[in-house]
Each structure stands twice: as C-alpha cells, then as structure tokens.
Amino acid sequence: MLAAPFARAQQAQLPQLMQLLAHRGSARATFVEKTYIGIIDRPLVSTGDLSFVAPDSLQKRTLTPKPESLVLRGNTLTVTQPGKRRIKVNLQEHPEIAAFVESIRGTLAGDLSALNKFYVLRLTGTMGKWRLVLIPKRQRLSRIFSRIRISGSHANINTIELDQHDGDHSVMVVTQVAASR
C-alpha cells in the first residue's frame, strides 16, 4: 500500500535530477567497461576516457585493449580506429543507434523530453544515490536491449549498465575527472 506513493514521489524527483544534470554543462571522466558475452568465460575489459560538452557533444576514447574513438557532434557519430577507415554515421538515418546515443547524451544533458521520446523512465533512490532505468518504448529497440541502468550521485554518473535482449550485458564504471583550473 505504501509502495505506490513512494514510487510517485521518486518519479516527481526526475525533473529535479534532469535539471541538476543540465546545469552541470560539461564533464570529463575515465571509464572501465566490462562486457559479458555468453560464449566467453571472462568479461572483455576496456578502459578509456569520456568527455561531454553540452548540449550535444560526446566523446568516448577507448585506450585498451585496442584504441578507438567515438565522437558525437549533433547528429553525426564518427568512429575512428587506428589503421582502419573512419566511419561517419548520420543518426537521423539510423534510429536504433540514435535512441541508444540519446540514453547517454540525454541523461548527461538533463534532456527529459529526449529521453521520454525513446524510453519509459524509472527513477529510484535519493539525489545522493540515484538509479535511472531506461526501458525502450520501440519494439525494434527492445529487440536489441531490454534496459539501460544509469546510477549516480547528484550531477555525477557513476555506472552505466546495458542489458541486451540476448542476455549479454555490459557495466561501465565512470570516475569523474576534476575540472582543471
């Protein structure tokens, strides 16, 4: 009986969390990502750094095990791997990629309307320790992944977890880098 009012109270905090994230503007962090694939005994581990400049510039630079750069500016995603051809993707032509990108970029930008476009959102916890669950609204997207869980504290994102429809999943632990003065 008490669960429904508690859930509504936490959902009422969603705009407050988005506003907090939006005011942050830009952020830099390092990451360690573990990808668990059903046919492999151990997770694949990658490390690197992330940067976000509001409202729509995001970069993920993987350093290990193999260098790779993903740069998002507006609606263009550029993937660069040393020694290979650079790939540019227009997100307007690839709605599934666009929806996944918006899960991260929309959260970092505090863009509630962008997130609501693609996901059912569930917020739990407090501003000091929150978890946002994004469940795809579109069937084509839900065939790829079942949910994304983003956890954090205030305006900092600490983990991003992706559960794929096939049972594979990844966990990215994010460590904020203090802004240089």
C-alpha atoms as a PDB file:
ATOM      1  CA  MET A   1       0.000   0.000   0.000  1.00  0.00           C
ATOM      2  CA  LEU A   2       2.869   2.380   0.759  1.00  0.00           C
ATOM      3  CA  ALA A   3       4.851   1.466  -2.385  1.00  0.00           C
ATOM      4  CA  ALA A   4       2.707   3.490  -4.829  1.00  0.00           C
ATOM      5  CA  PRO A   5       3.064   6.869  -3.055  1.00  0.00           C
ATOM      6  CA  PHE A   6       6.801   6.240  -2.599  1.00  0.00           C
ATOM      7  CA  ALA A   7       7.232   5.442  -6.329  1.00  0.00           C
ATOM      8  CA  ARG A   8       5.293   8.586  -7.303  1.00  0.00           C
ATOM      9  CA  ALA A   9       7.469  10.697  -5.004  1.00  0.00           C
ATOM     10  CA  GLN A  10      10.632   9.362  -6.619  1.00  0.00           C
ATOM     11  CA  GLN A  11       9.236   9.940 -10.129  1.00  0.00           C
ATOM     12  CA  ALA A  12       8.492  13.520  -9.064  1.00  0.00           C
ATOM     13  CA  GLN A  13      12.257  13.880  -8.442  1.00  0.00           C
ATOM     14  CA  LEU A  14      13.011  13.052 -12.094  1.00  0.00           C
ATOM     15  CA  PRO A  15      12.677  16.663 -13.341  1.00  0.00           C
ATOM     16  CA  GLN A  16      14.833  17.790 -10.404  1.00  0.00           C
ATOM     17  CA  LEU A  17      17.559  15.275 -11.350  1.00  0.00           C
ATOM     18  CA  MET A  18      17.406  16.308 -15.011  1.00  0.00           C
ATOM     19  CA  GLN A  19      17.742  19.960 -14.028  1.00  0.00           C
ATOM     20  CA  LEU A  20      20.766  19.142 -11.868  1.00  0.00           C
ATOM     21  CA  LEU A  21      22.410  17.266 -14.753  1.00  0.00           C
ATOM     22  CA  ALA A  22      21.589  20.047 -17.243  1.00  0.00           C
ATOM     23  CA  HIS A  23      23.235  22.688 -15.056  1.00  0.00           C
ATOM     24  CA  ARG A  24      26.488  20.737 -14.971  1.00  0.00           C
ATOM     25  CA  GLY A  25      27.116  21.570 -18.637  1.00  0.00           C
ATOM     26  CA  SER A  26      30.294  19.654 -19.362  1.00  0.00           C
ATOM     27  CA  ALA A  27      32.099  16.760 -17.743  1.00  0.00           C
ATOM     28  CA  ARG A  28      35.201  14.630 -18.108  1.00  0.00           C
ATOM     29  CA  ALA A  29      35.695  11.139 -16.770  1.00  0.00           C
ATOM     30  CA  THR A  30      37.616   7.916 -17.120  1.00  0.00           C
ATOM     31  CA  PHE A  31      35.908   4.559 -17.509  1.00  0.00           C
ATOM     32  CA  VAL A  32      36.395   0.849 -17.083  1.00  0.00           C
ATOM     33  CA  GLU A  33      33.872  -1.181 -19.048  1.00  0.00           C
ATOM     34  CA  LYS A  34      33.260  -4.898 -18.635  1.00  0.00           C
ATOM     35  CA  THR A  35      31.284  -6.617 -21.359  1.00  0.00           C
ATOM     36  CA  TYR A  36      29.858 -10.031 -20.528  1.00  0.00           C
ATOM     37  CA  ILE A  37      29.197 -12.227 -23.555  1.00  0.00           C
ATOM     38  CA  GLY A  38      27.518 -15.594 -23.094  1.00  0.00           C
ATOM     39  CA  ILE A  39      30.027 -17.604 -25.136  1.00  0.00           C
ATOM     40  CA  ILE A  40      33.096 -16.214 -23.315  1.00  0.00           C
ATOM     41  CA  ASP A  41      34.068 -17.223 -19.759  1.00  0.00           C
ATOM     42  CA  ARG A  42      35.507 -13.854 -18.718  1.00  0.00           C
ATOM     43  CA  PRO A  43      34.336 -10.334 -19.412  1.00  0.00           C
ATOM     44  CA  LEU A  44      36.002  -8.234 -22.080  1.00  0.00           C
ATOM     45  CA  VAL A  45      37.536  -5.239 -20.294  1.00  0.00           C
ATOM     46  CA  SER A  46      38.158  -1.878 -21.915  1.00  0.00           C
ATOM     47  CA  THR A  47      39.376   1.404 -20.450  1.00  0.00           C
ATOM     48  CA  GLY A  48      39.487   4.973 -21.627  1.00  0.00           C
ATOM     49  CA  ASP A  49      38.055   8.413 -21.139  1.00  0.00           C
ATOM     50  CA  LEU A  50      34.803  10.225 -21.739  1.00  0.00           C
ATOM     51  CA  SER A  51      34.018  13.878 -22.309  1.00  0.00           C
ATOM     52  CA  PHE A  52      30.743  15.717 -22.696  1.00  0.00           C
ATOM     53  CA  VAL A  53      30.176  19.319 -23.719  1.00  0.00           C
ATOM     54  CA  ALA A  54      26.549  20.422 -23.508  1.00  0.00           C
ATOM     55  CA  PRO A  55      24.285  20.234 -25.262  1.00  0.00           C
ATOM     56  CA  ASP A  56      25.271  17.579 -27.797  1.00  0.00           C
ATOM     57  CA  SER A  57      28.986  16.790 -27.988  1.00  0.00           C
ATOM     58  CA  LEU A  58      30.105  13.457 -26.539  1.00  0.00           C
ATOM     59  CA  GLN A  59      33.384  11.589 -26.945  1.00  0.00           C
ATOM     60  CA  LYS A  60      34.332   8.083 -25.843  1.00  0.00           C
ATOM     61  CA  ARG A  61      38.008   7.330 -26.337  1.00  0.00           C
ATOM     62  CA  THR A  62      38.935   3.708 -25.680  1.00  0.00           C
ATOM     63  CA  LEU A  63      42.606   3.218 -24.828  1.00  0.00           C
ATOM     64  CA  THR A  64      42.755  -0.502 -24.018  1.00  0.00           C
ATOM     65  CA  PRO A  65      42.619  -3.206 -25.237  1.00  0.00           C
ATOM     66  CA  LYS A  66      42.509  -1.526 -28.687  1.00  0.00           C
ATOM     67  CA  PRO A  67      42.392   2.212 -29.344  1.00  0.00           C
ATOM     68  CA  GLU A  68      39.113   3.519 -30.712  1.00  0.00           C
ATOM     69  CA  SER A  69      37.392   6.874 -30.728  1.00  0.00           C
ATOM     70  CA  LEU A  70      33.658   7.568 -30.910  1.00  0.00           C
ATOM     71  CA  VAL A  71      32.842  11.240 -31.362  1.00  0.00           C
ATOM     72  CA  LEU A  72      29.284  12.527 -31.387  1.00  0.00           C
ATOM     73  CA  ARG A  73      28.591  16.058 -32.547  1.00  0.00           C
ATOM     74  CA  GLY A  74      24.971  16.904 -33.161  1.00  0.00           C
ATOM     75  CA  ASN A  75      23.535  14.124 -35.313  1.00  0.00           C
ATOM     76  CA  THR A  76      26.868  12.786 -36.592  1.00  0.00           C
ATOM     77  CA  LEU A  77      28.704   9.903 -34.951  1.00  0.00           C
ATOM     78  CA  THR A  78      32.289   9.346 -36.097  1.00  0.00           C
ATOM     79  CA  VAL A  79      34.089   6.093 -35.291  1.00  0.00           C
ATOM     80  CA  THR A  80      37.862   6.031 -35.684  1.00  0.00           C
ATOM     81  CA  GLN A  81      40.164   3.047 -35.230  1.00  0.00           C
ATOM     82  CA  PRO A  82      43.890   3.432 -35.985  1.00  0.00           C
ATOM     83  CA  GLY A  83      44.825   1.835 -39.288  1.00  0.00           C
ATOM     84  CA  LYS A  84      41.201   1.490 -40.379  1.00  0.00           C
ATOM     85  CA  ARG A  85      38.765   3.584 -42.345  1.00  0.00           C
ATOM     86  CA  ARG A  86      36.961   6.330 -40.405  1.00  0.00           C
ATOM     87  CA  ILE A  87      33.204   5.745 -40.301  1.00  0.00           C
ATOM     88  CA  LYS A  88      30.662   8.576 -40.127  1.00  0.00           C
ATOM     89  CA  VAL A  89      27.053   7.788 -39.248  1.00  0.00           C
ATOM     90  CA  ASN A  90      24.158  10.202 -39.609  1.00  0.00           C
ATOM     91  CA  LEU A  91      21.933   9.359 -36.644  1.00  0.00           C
ATOM     92  CA  GLN A  92      18.795  10.507 -38.479  1.00  0.00           C
ATOM     93  CA  GLU A  93      19.328   7.570 -40.859  1.00  0.00           C
ATOM     94  CA  HIS A  94      19.815   5.039 -38.031  1.00  0.00           C
ATOM     95  CA  PRO A  95      17.035   5.382 -35.425  1.00  0.00           C
ATOM     96  CA  GLU A  96      18.241   2.487 -33.240  1.00  0.00           C
ATOM     97  CA  ILE A  97      21.711   3.990 -32.877  1.00  0.00           C
ATOM     98  CA  ALA A  98      20.169   7.426 -32.283  1.00  0.00           C
ATOM     99  CA  ALA A  99      17.969   6.068 -29.496  1.00  0.00           C
ATOM    100  CA  PHE A 100      20.910   4.397 -27.767  1.00  0.00           C
ATOM    101  CA  VAL A 101      23.038   7.552 -28.100  1.00  0.00           C
ATOM    102  CA  GLU A 102      20.217   9.615 -26.581  1.00  0.00           C
ATOM    103  CA  SER A 103      20.179   7.391 -23.498  1.00  0.00           C
ATOM    104  CA  ILE A 104      23.637   8.685 -22.600  1.00  0.00           C
ATOM    105  CA  ARG A 105      23.610  12.129 -24.172  1.00  0.00           C
ATOM    106  CA  GLY A 106      20.079  12.884 -22.987  1.00  0.00           C
ATOM    107  CA  THR A 107      20.966  11.900 -19.445  1.00  0.00           C
ATOM    108  CA  LEU A 108      24.185  13.932 -19.434  1.00  0.00           C
ATOM    109  CA  ALA A 109      22.350  16.949 -20.870  1.00  0.00           C
ATOM    110  CA  GLY A 110      19.416  16.523 -18.492  1.00  0.00           C
ATOM    111  CA  ASP A 111      17.119  16.403 -21.530  1.00  0.00           C
ATOM    112  CA  LEU A 112      13.968  14.776 -20.178  1.00  0.00           C
ATOM    113  CA  SER A 113      11.991  15.246 -23.407  1.00  0.00           C
ATOM    114  CA  ALA A 114      14.695  13.457 -25.453  1.00  0.00           C
ATOM    115  CA  LEU A 115      14.706  10.550 -23.010  1.00  0.00           C
ATOM    116  CA  ASN A 116      10.893  10.354 -22.898  1.00  0.00           C
ATOM    117  CA  LYS A 117      10.822  10.127 -26.692  1.00  0.00           C
ATOM    118  CA  PHE A 118      12.557   6.737 -26.660  1.00  0.00           C
ATOM    119  CA  TYR A 119      12.215   5.332 -23.126  1.00  0.00           C
ATOM    120  CA  VAL A 120       9.963   4.649 -20.200  1.00  0.00           C
ATOM    121  CA  LEU A 121      11.892   6.127 -17.254  1.00  0.00           C
ATOM    122  CA  ARG A 122      12.016   4.845 -13.681  1.00  0.00           C
ATOM    123  CA  LEU A 123      13.956   6.745 -11.022  1.00  0.00           C
ATOM    124  CA  THR A 124      14.744   5.267  -7.612  1.00  0.00           C
ATOM    125  CA  GLY A 125      16.845   6.401  -4.666  1.00  0.00           C
ATOM    126  CA  THR A 126      17.769   9.882  -3.499  1.00  0.00           C
ATOM    127  CA  MET A 127      19.689  12.701  -5.175  1.00  0.00           C
ATOM    128  CA  GLY A 128      22.749  11.479  -3.280  1.00  0.00           C
ATOM    129  CA  LYS A 129      22.404   7.948  -4.663  1.00  0.00           C
ATOM    130  CA  TRP A 130      20.021   7.538  -7.589  1.00  0.00           C
ATOM    131  CA  ARG A 131      19.343   4.958 -10.294  1.00  0.00           C
ATOM    132  CA  LEU A 132      17.592   5.763 -13.544  1.00  0.00           C
ATOM    133  CA  VAL A 133      16.246   2.818 -15.541  1.00  0.00           C
ATOM    134  CA  LEU A 134      15.502   3.376 -19.227  1.00  0.00           C
ATOM    135  CA  ILE A 135      13.236   0.818 -20.903  1.00  0.00           C
ATOM    136  CA  PRO A 136      12.901   1.100 -24.695  1.00  0.00           C
ATOM    137  CA  LYS A 137       9.460   2.130 -25.943  1.00  0.00           C
ATOM    138  CA  ARG A 138      10.044   0.996 -29.523  1.00  0.00           C
ATOM    139  CA  GLN A 139       9.849  -2.680 -30.358  1.00  0.00           C
ATOM    140  CA  ARG A 140      12.815  -2.569 -32.771  1.00  0.00           C
ATOM    141  CA  LEU A 141      14.960  -1.163 -29.990  1.00  0.00           C
ATOM    142  CA  SER A 142      13.728  -3.612 -27.359  1.00  0.00           C
ATOM    143  CA  ARG A 143      14.834  -6.464 -29.636  1.00  0.00           C
ATOM    144  CA  ILE A 144      18.411  -5.201 -29.198  1.00  0.00           C
ATOM    145  CA  PHE A 145      18.449  -4.327 -25.499  1.00  0.00           C
ATOM    146  CA  SER A 146      15.951  -4.669 -22.684  1.00  0.00           C
ATOM    147  CA  ARG A 147      17.092  -1.801 -20.462  1.00  0.00           C
ATOM    148  CA  ILE A 148      19.790   0.660 -19.541  1.00  0.00           C
ATOM    149  CA  ARG A 149      20.504   1.445 -15.894  1.00  0.00           C
ATOM    150  CA  ILE A 150      22.359   4.648 -15.093  1.00  0.00           C
ATOM    151  CA  SER A 151      23.406   5.270 -11.497  1.00  0.00           C
ATOM    152  CA  GLY A 152      24.900   8.324  -9.923  1.00  0.00           C
ATOM    153  CA  SER A 153      25.182  10.840  -7.162  1.00  0.00           C
ATOM    154  CA  HIS A 154      23.848  14.362  -7.660  1.00  0.00           C
ATOM    155  CA  ALA A 155      25.129  15.513 -11.116  1.00  0.00           C
ATOM    156  CA  ASN A 156      27.689  12.707 -11.441  1.00  0.00           C
ATOM    157  CA  ILE A 157      27.109   9.480 -13.324  1.00  0.00           C
ATOM    158  CA  ASN A 158      28.866   6.530 -11.674  1.00  0.00           C
ATOM    159  CA  THR A 159      27.758   3.488 -13.687  1.00  0.00           C
ATOM    160  CA  ILE A 160      26.055   2.692 -16.961  1.00  0.00           C
ATOM    161  CA  GLU A 161      24.704  -0.831 -17.356  1.00  0.00           C
ATOM    162  CA  LEU A 162      23.291  -2.193 -20.595  1.00  0.00           C
ATOM    163  CA  ASP A 163      21.228  -5.392 -20.668  1.00  0.00           C
ATOM    164  CA  GLN A 164      20.966  -6.795 -24.170  1.00  0.00           C
ATOM    165  CA  HIS A 165      17.955  -8.794 -25.259  1.00  0.00           C
ATOM    166  CA  ASP A 166      20.150 -11.855 -25.928  1.00  0.00           C
ATOM    167  CA  GLY A 167      21.395 -11.978 -22.305  1.00  0.00           C
ATOM    168  CA  ASP A 168      24.760 -10.287 -22.878  1.00  0.00           C
ATOM    169  CA  HIS A 169      25.384  -7.189 -20.795  1.00  0.00           C
ATOM    170  CA  SER A 170      27.968  -4.532 -20.016  1.00  0.00           C
ATOM    171  CA  VAL A 171      28.825  -2.475 -16.962  1.00  0.00           C
ATOM    172  CA  MET A 172      30.756   0.771 -17.306  1.00  0.00           C
ATOM    173  CA  VAL A 173      32.168   2.298 -14.127  1.00  0.00           C
ATOM    174  CA  VAL A 174      32.699   6.026 -14.588  1.00  0.00           C
ATOM    175  CA  THR A 175      35.127   8.091 -12.494  1.00  0.00           C
ATOM    176  CA  GLN A 176      34.755  11.853 -12.729  1.00  0.00           C
ATOM    177  CA  VAL A 177      37.861  13.903 -13.501  1.00  0.00           C
ATOM    178  CA  ALA A 178      38.040  17.176 -11.611  1.00  0.00           C
ATOM    179  CA  ALA A 179      37.881  20.242 -13.843  1.00  0.00           C
ATOM    180  CA  SER A 180      41.268  21.893 -14.285  1.00  0.00           C
ATOM    181  CA  ARG A 181      41.559  25.489 -13.278  1.00  0.00           C
END
